[in-house]
N, C-alpha and C. Protein backbone atom coordinates (compact mmCIF):
# COMPACT_ATOMS: atom_id res chain seq x y z
N UNK A 1 68.28 103.73 92.21
CA UNK A 1 66.95 103.63 91.57
C UNK A 1 67.00 102.48 90.57
N UNK A 2 66.06 101.54 90.74
CA UNK A 2 65.90 100.47 89.72
C UNK A 2 65.30 101.06 88.43
N UNK A 3 65.78 100.46 87.34
CA UNK A 3 65.32 100.85 86.07
C UNK A 3 65.46 99.74 85.11
N UNK A 4 64.47 99.41 84.27
CA UNK A 4 64.56 98.33 83.26
C UNK A 4 64.75 99.16 81.95
N UNK A 5 65.90 98.76 81.26
CA UNK A 5 66.02 99.43 79.90
C UNK A 5 66.33 98.14 78.78
N UNK A 6 65.93 98.49 77.65
CA UNK A 6 66.00 97.46 76.56
C UNK A 6 67.25 97.87 75.62
N UNK A 7 68.00 96.85 75.45
CA UNK A 7 69.16 97.02 74.60
C UNK A 7 69.15 95.99 73.47
N UNK A 8 70.18 95.90 72.71
CA UNK A 8 70.31 95.09 71.44
C UNK A 8 71.68 94.43 71.62
N UNK A 9 71.64 93.12 71.36
CA UNK A 9 72.90 92.23 71.26
C UNK A 9 73.40 92.58 69.85
N UNK A 10 74.63 93.14 69.88
CA UNK A 10 75.31 93.60 68.53
C UNK A 10 76.65 92.73 68.41
N UNK A 11 76.89 92.41 67.08
CA UNK A 11 78.15 91.72 66.66
C UNK A 11 79.16 92.94 66.34
N UNK A 12 80.33 92.99 66.79
CA UNK A 12 81.32 93.99 66.40
C UNK A 12 82.45 93.29 65.87
N UNK A 13 83.29 94.11 65.14
CA UNK A 13 84.58 93.43 64.38
C UNK A 13 85.70 94.12 65.17
N UNK A 14 86.78 93.42 65.07
CA UNK A 14 86.95 92.09 64.55
C UNK A 14 86.49 91.08 65.30
N UNK A 15 86.33 89.79 64.71
CA UNK A 15 85.89 88.67 65.46
C UNK A 15 87.13 88.26 66.32
N UNK A 16 86.91 87.25 67.23
CA UNK A 16 88.04 86.73 68.10
C UNK A 16 88.90 85.96 67.17
N UNK A 17 90.15 85.85 67.47
CA UNK A 17 91.14 85.13 66.73
C UNK A 17 90.60 83.68 66.27
N UNK A 18 89.91 82.98 67.15
CA UNK A 18 89.37 81.75 66.86
C UNK A 18 88.19 81.73 66.06
N UNK A 19 87.69 82.99 65.53
CA UNK A 19 86.69 83.08 64.60
C UNK A 19 85.25 83.27 65.17
N UNK A 20 85.19 83.20 66.54
CA UNK A 20 83.92 83.36 67.15
C UNK A 20 83.55 84.91 67.25
N UNK A 21 82.31 85.07 67.21
CA UNK A 21 81.75 86.45 67.26
C UNK A 21 82.11 87.16 68.54
N UNK A 22 82.26 88.54 68.45
CA UNK A 22 82.44 89.41 69.56
C UNK A 22 81.00 90.18 69.79
N UNK A 23 80.37 90.03 70.89
CA UNK A 23 79.19 90.62 71.05
C UNK A 23 79.25 91.78 72.16
N UNK A 24 78.54 92.76 71.88
CA UNK A 24 78.29 93.76 73.06
C UNK A 24 76.92 94.02 73.11
N UNK A 25 76.38 94.61 74.19
CA UNK A 25 75.01 94.99 74.23
C UNK A 25 75.02 96.61 74.24
N UNK A 26 74.18 97.11 73.27
CA UNK A 26 74.12 98.42 73.06
C UNK A 26 72.69 99.01 73.58
N UNK A 27 72.80 100.25 74.13
CA UNK A 27 71.67 100.91 74.61
C UNK A 27 71.62 102.28 74.08
N UNK A 28 70.45 102.72 73.82
CA UNK A 28 70.30 104.06 73.25
C UNK A 28 70.75 105.17 74.38
N UNK A 29 71.18 106.22 73.83
CA UNK A 29 71.73 107.24 74.78
C UNK A 29 70.74 107.83 75.72
N UNK A 30 69.44 107.66 75.35
CA UNK A 30 68.42 108.36 76.12
C UNK A 30 68.27 107.62 77.57
N UNK A 31 69.13 106.42 77.74
CA UNK A 31 69.05 105.80 78.99
C UNK A 31 70.38 106.11 79.79
N UNK A 32 71.10 107.14 79.33
CA UNK A 32 72.25 107.46 80.12
C UNK A 32 72.06 108.03 81.50
N UNK A 33 70.88 108.31 81.93
CA UNK A 33 70.57 108.69 83.24
C UNK A 33 70.31 107.57 84.11
N UNK A 34 70.11 106.31 83.39
CA UNK A 34 69.67 105.15 84.12
C UNK A 34 70.87 104.02 84.13
N UNK A 35 71.84 104.24 83.36
CA UNK A 35 72.98 103.38 83.21
C UNK A 35 74.20 103.94 83.78
N UNK A 36 75.00 103.42 84.60
CA UNK A 36 76.20 104.07 85.01
C UNK A 36 77.26 104.10 83.94
N UNK A 37 77.46 105.40 83.43
CA UNK A 37 78.42 105.66 82.45
C UNK A 37 78.96 106.98 82.40
N UNK A 38 80.36 107.03 81.86
CA UNK A 38 80.98 108.30 81.90
C UNK A 38 81.74 108.28 80.56
N UNK A 39 81.65 109.54 79.80
CA UNK A 39 82.32 109.54 78.65
C UNK A 39 83.83 109.27 78.68
N UNK A 40 84.21 108.36 77.82
CA UNK A 40 85.75 108.06 77.71
C UNK A 40 86.20 107.22 78.72
N UNK A 41 85.39 106.62 79.62
CA UNK A 41 85.78 105.73 80.70
C UNK A 41 84.98 104.63 80.77
N UNK A 42 85.73 103.38 81.20
CA UNK A 42 84.99 102.21 81.49
C UNK A 42 84.52 102.20 82.91
N UNK A 43 83.33 101.85 83.07
CA UNK A 43 82.60 101.79 84.46
C UNK A 43 82.44 100.38 84.67
N UNK A 44 82.96 99.87 85.76
CA UNK A 44 82.63 98.51 86.29
C UNK A 44 81.26 98.25 86.84
N UNK A 45 80.75 97.16 86.41
CA UNK A 45 79.45 96.97 87.09
C UNK A 45 79.31 95.42 87.29
N UNK A 46 78.50 95.07 88.28
CA UNK A 46 78.11 93.59 88.46
C UNK A 46 77.11 93.24 87.54
N UNK A 47 77.26 92.18 86.74
CA UNK A 47 76.41 91.80 85.71
C UNK A 47 75.83 90.43 85.89
N UNK A 48 74.61 90.21 86.06
CA UNK A 48 74.03 88.84 86.37
C UNK A 48 73.09 88.46 85.11
N UNK A 49 73.21 87.12 84.83
CA UNK A 49 72.34 86.44 83.86
C UNK A 49 72.05 85.25 84.40
N UNK A 50 70.72 84.96 84.78
CA UNK A 50 70.30 83.75 85.41
C UNK A 50 71.01 83.72 86.82
N UNK A 51 71.70 82.58 87.09
CA UNK A 51 72.43 82.55 88.42
C UNK A 51 73.76 82.87 88.33
N UNK A 52 74.34 83.20 87.19
CA UNK A 52 75.71 83.51 86.93
C UNK A 52 75.96 85.01 87.04
N UNK A 53 77.06 85.26 87.84
CA UNK A 53 77.41 86.64 88.16
C UNK A 53 78.89 86.89 87.60
N UNK A 54 78.96 88.15 86.99
CA UNK A 54 80.28 88.54 86.40
C UNK A 54 80.41 89.99 86.67
N UNK A 55 81.65 90.43 86.26
CA UNK A 55 82.08 91.79 86.34
C UNK A 55 82.16 92.23 84.88
N UNK A 56 81.36 93.35 84.57
CA UNK A 56 81.38 93.79 83.16
C UNK A 56 81.76 95.20 83.17
N UNK A 57 81.99 95.83 81.91
CA UNK A 57 82.47 97.16 81.76
C UNK A 57 81.37 97.97 80.92
N UNK A 58 80.93 98.99 81.35
CA UNK A 58 79.94 99.85 80.48
C UNK A 58 80.83 101.04 80.00
N UNK A 59 80.66 101.35 78.71
CA UNK A 59 81.47 102.35 78.06
C UNK A 59 80.35 103.27 77.31
N UNK A 60 80.88 104.57 77.15
CA UNK A 60 80.30 105.70 76.45
C UNK A 60 81.34 106.50 75.97
N UNK A 61 81.22 106.87 74.66
CA UNK A 61 82.25 107.88 74.26
C UNK A 61 81.63 108.79 73.36
N UNK A 62 82.35 110.07 73.30
CA UNK A 62 81.82 111.01 72.35
C UNK A 62 81.89 110.54 70.94
N UNK A 63 80.90 110.94 70.20
CA UNK A 63 80.86 110.58 68.77
C UNK A 63 80.03 109.18 68.55
N UNK A 64 79.72 108.44 69.63
CA UNK A 64 78.88 107.32 69.43
C UNK A 64 77.50 107.74 69.84
N UNK A 65 76.51 106.95 69.23
CA UNK A 65 75.09 107.30 69.59
C UNK A 65 74.53 106.06 70.53
N UNK A 66 75.41 105.55 71.26
CA UNK A 66 74.92 104.54 72.07
C UNK A 66 75.88 104.26 73.28
N UNK A 67 75.39 103.51 74.30
CA UNK A 67 76.12 103.11 75.51
C UNK A 67 76.39 101.69 75.35
N UNK A 68 77.45 101.05 75.61
CA UNK A 68 77.47 99.56 75.49
C UNK A 68 78.22 98.92 76.57
N UNK A 69 77.85 97.55 76.72
CA UNK A 69 78.55 96.74 77.70
C UNK A 69 79.55 95.88 76.71
N UNK A 70 80.84 96.03 77.27
CA UNK A 70 81.94 95.57 76.49
C UNK A 70 81.90 94.02 76.37
N UNK A 71 82.66 93.51 75.37
CA UNK A 71 82.52 92.06 75.00
C UNK A 71 83.09 91.06 75.93
N UNK A 72 84.00 91.57 76.81
CA UNK A 72 84.77 90.59 77.73
C UNK A 72 84.26 90.90 79.26
N UNK A 73 84.06 89.75 79.88
CA UNK A 73 83.62 89.88 81.30
C UNK A 73 84.62 89.08 82.15
N UNK A 74 84.55 89.24 83.45
CA UNK A 74 85.26 88.46 84.39
C UNK A 74 84.33 87.73 85.20
N UNK A 75 84.52 86.46 85.45
CA UNK A 75 83.71 85.53 86.31
C UNK A 75 84.16 85.77 87.84
N UNK A 76 83.44 84.90 88.65
CA UNK A 76 83.74 85.07 90.12
C UNK A 76 85.14 84.86 90.61
N UNK A 77 85.89 84.14 89.64
CA UNK A 77 87.38 83.89 89.91
C UNK A 77 88.24 84.73 89.21
N UNK A 78 87.71 85.82 88.64
CA UNK A 78 88.38 86.90 87.92
C UNK A 78 88.97 86.26 86.54
N UNK A 79 88.33 85.20 86.15
CA UNK A 79 88.85 84.67 84.76
C UNK A 79 87.99 85.24 83.80
N UNK A 80 88.75 85.55 82.59
CA UNK A 80 87.98 86.22 81.41
C UNK A 80 87.04 85.24 80.77
N UNK A 81 85.79 85.82 80.43
CA UNK A 81 84.82 85.05 79.72
C UNK A 81 84.22 85.90 78.71
N UNK A 82 83.79 85.42 77.63
CA UNK A 82 83.22 86.32 76.57
C UNK A 82 81.80 86.45 76.67
N UNK A 83 81.45 87.85 76.60
CA UNK A 83 79.95 88.04 76.68
C UNK A 83 79.16 87.22 75.72
N UNK A 84 79.64 87.02 74.48
CA UNK A 84 78.98 86.22 73.50
C UNK A 84 78.56 84.76 73.95
N UNK A 85 79.68 84.17 74.72
CA UNK A 85 79.37 82.83 75.24
C UNK A 85 78.32 82.91 76.31
N UNK A 86 78.35 83.74 77.19
CA UNK A 86 77.33 83.92 78.17
C UNK A 86 76.00 84.17 77.55
N UNK A 87 75.91 85.01 76.68
CA UNK A 87 74.57 85.37 76.12
C UNK A 87 73.96 84.11 75.21
N UNK A 88 74.90 83.45 74.50
CA UNK A 88 74.48 82.36 73.70
C UNK A 88 73.91 81.20 74.55
N UNK A 89 74.59 80.98 75.71
CA UNK A 89 74.17 79.86 76.62
C UNK A 89 72.78 80.11 77.19
N UNK A 90 72.40 81.38 77.18
CA UNK A 90 70.93 81.66 77.59
C UNK A 90 70.02 81.93 76.49
N UNK A 91 70.56 81.54 75.12
CA UNK A 91 69.64 81.76 74.00
C UNK A 91 69.61 82.99 73.18
N UNK A 92 70.45 83.96 73.63
CA UNK A 92 70.46 85.21 72.99
C UNK A 92 71.31 85.19 71.73
N UNK A 93 70.73 85.90 70.76
CA UNK A 93 71.57 85.92 69.43
C UNK A 93 71.75 87.40 68.97
N UNK A 94 72.63 87.58 68.00
CA UNK A 94 72.94 88.82 67.45
C UNK A 94 71.67 89.58 66.96
N UNK A 95 71.54 90.81 67.25
CA UNK A 95 70.41 91.67 66.88
C UNK A 95 69.16 91.33 67.70
N UNK A 96 69.21 90.59 68.74
CA UNK A 96 68.05 90.40 69.53
C UNK A 96 67.94 91.51 70.60
N UNK A 97 66.73 91.81 70.99
CA UNK A 97 66.51 92.68 72.10
C UNK A 97 66.74 91.98 73.37
N UNK A 98 67.32 92.79 74.43
CA UNK A 98 67.52 92.19 75.72
C UNK A 98 67.08 93.13 76.78
N UNK A 99 66.40 92.82 77.75
CA UNK A 99 65.90 93.56 78.82
C UNK A 99 66.82 93.49 80.03
N UNK A 100 67.29 94.62 80.56
CA UNK A 100 68.29 94.51 81.75
C UNK A 100 67.73 95.58 82.71
N UNK A 101 67.68 95.14 84.08
CA UNK A 101 67.39 95.91 85.15
C UNK A 101 68.66 96.39 85.69
N UNK A 102 68.87 97.74 85.78
CA UNK A 102 69.86 98.42 86.42
C UNK A 102 69.59 98.99 87.77
N UNK A 103 70.37 98.84 88.75
CA UNK A 103 70.21 99.33 90.03
C UNK A 103 71.46 99.78 90.46
N UNK A 104 71.83 101.06 90.18
CA UNK A 104 73.21 101.51 90.45
C UNK A 104 74.14 100.87 89.56
N UNK A 105 75.23 100.30 90.17
CA UNK A 105 76.21 99.48 89.45
C UNK A 105 75.93 97.97 89.36
N UNK A 106 74.70 97.64 89.61
CA UNK A 106 74.27 96.24 89.52
C UNK A 106 73.25 96.22 88.24
N UNK A 107 73.54 95.16 87.35
CA UNK A 107 72.76 94.87 86.23
C UNK A 107 72.37 93.41 86.12
N UNK A 108 71.06 93.14 85.88
CA UNK A 108 70.47 91.78 85.77
C UNK A 108 69.69 91.61 84.61
N UNK A 109 70.05 90.65 83.78
CA UNK A 109 69.20 90.36 82.46
C UNK A 109 67.96 89.82 82.97
N UNK A 110 66.90 90.28 82.46
CA UNK A 110 65.63 89.78 82.64
C UNK A 110 65.28 88.73 81.66
N UNK A 111 65.45 87.48 82.06
CA UNK A 111 65.12 86.39 81.00
C UNK A 111 63.73 86.41 80.61
N UNK A 112 63.57 86.44 79.23
CA UNK A 112 62.10 86.51 78.74
C UNK A 112 61.68 87.94 78.36
N UNK A 113 62.43 88.87 78.90
CA UNK A 113 62.31 90.27 78.55
C UNK A 113 60.99 90.97 79.00
N UNK A 114 61.05 92.22 79.05
CA UNK A 114 59.90 93.19 79.36
C UNK A 114 60.05 94.40 78.58
N UNK A 115 59.03 95.27 78.69
CA UNK A 115 59.11 96.68 78.05
C UNK A 115 59.92 97.61 79.06
N UNK A 116 60.60 98.53 78.26
CA UNK A 116 61.33 99.48 79.04
C UNK A 116 60.39 100.35 79.86
N UNK A 117 60.84 100.62 81.10
CA UNK A 117 60.04 101.59 82.01
C UNK A 117 60.72 102.83 82.27
């Protein structure tokens, strides 16, 4: 089932060793029925922004009030890439809202954003 949810780009600590920010995308728990997630486990998803495709991890844990996409992705060649690099290359900044369409384990950023459905 396709569903658009609105998340927030968040900076988490610590920063990377080179001083660059570590970003995650956080979603309210009310979306847990629309986002593939399991308490205490990383769920792999296909993550697309523009024409770029990656493998990302979605996490949820007891005691947190949000679901998040982890800060490290893998590209088509299984090379690690930082979510912060991918987001900034498309103009996203910390604390900015971001619209993502989920369809099972596929997630696509909706460039320009929309309201949650």
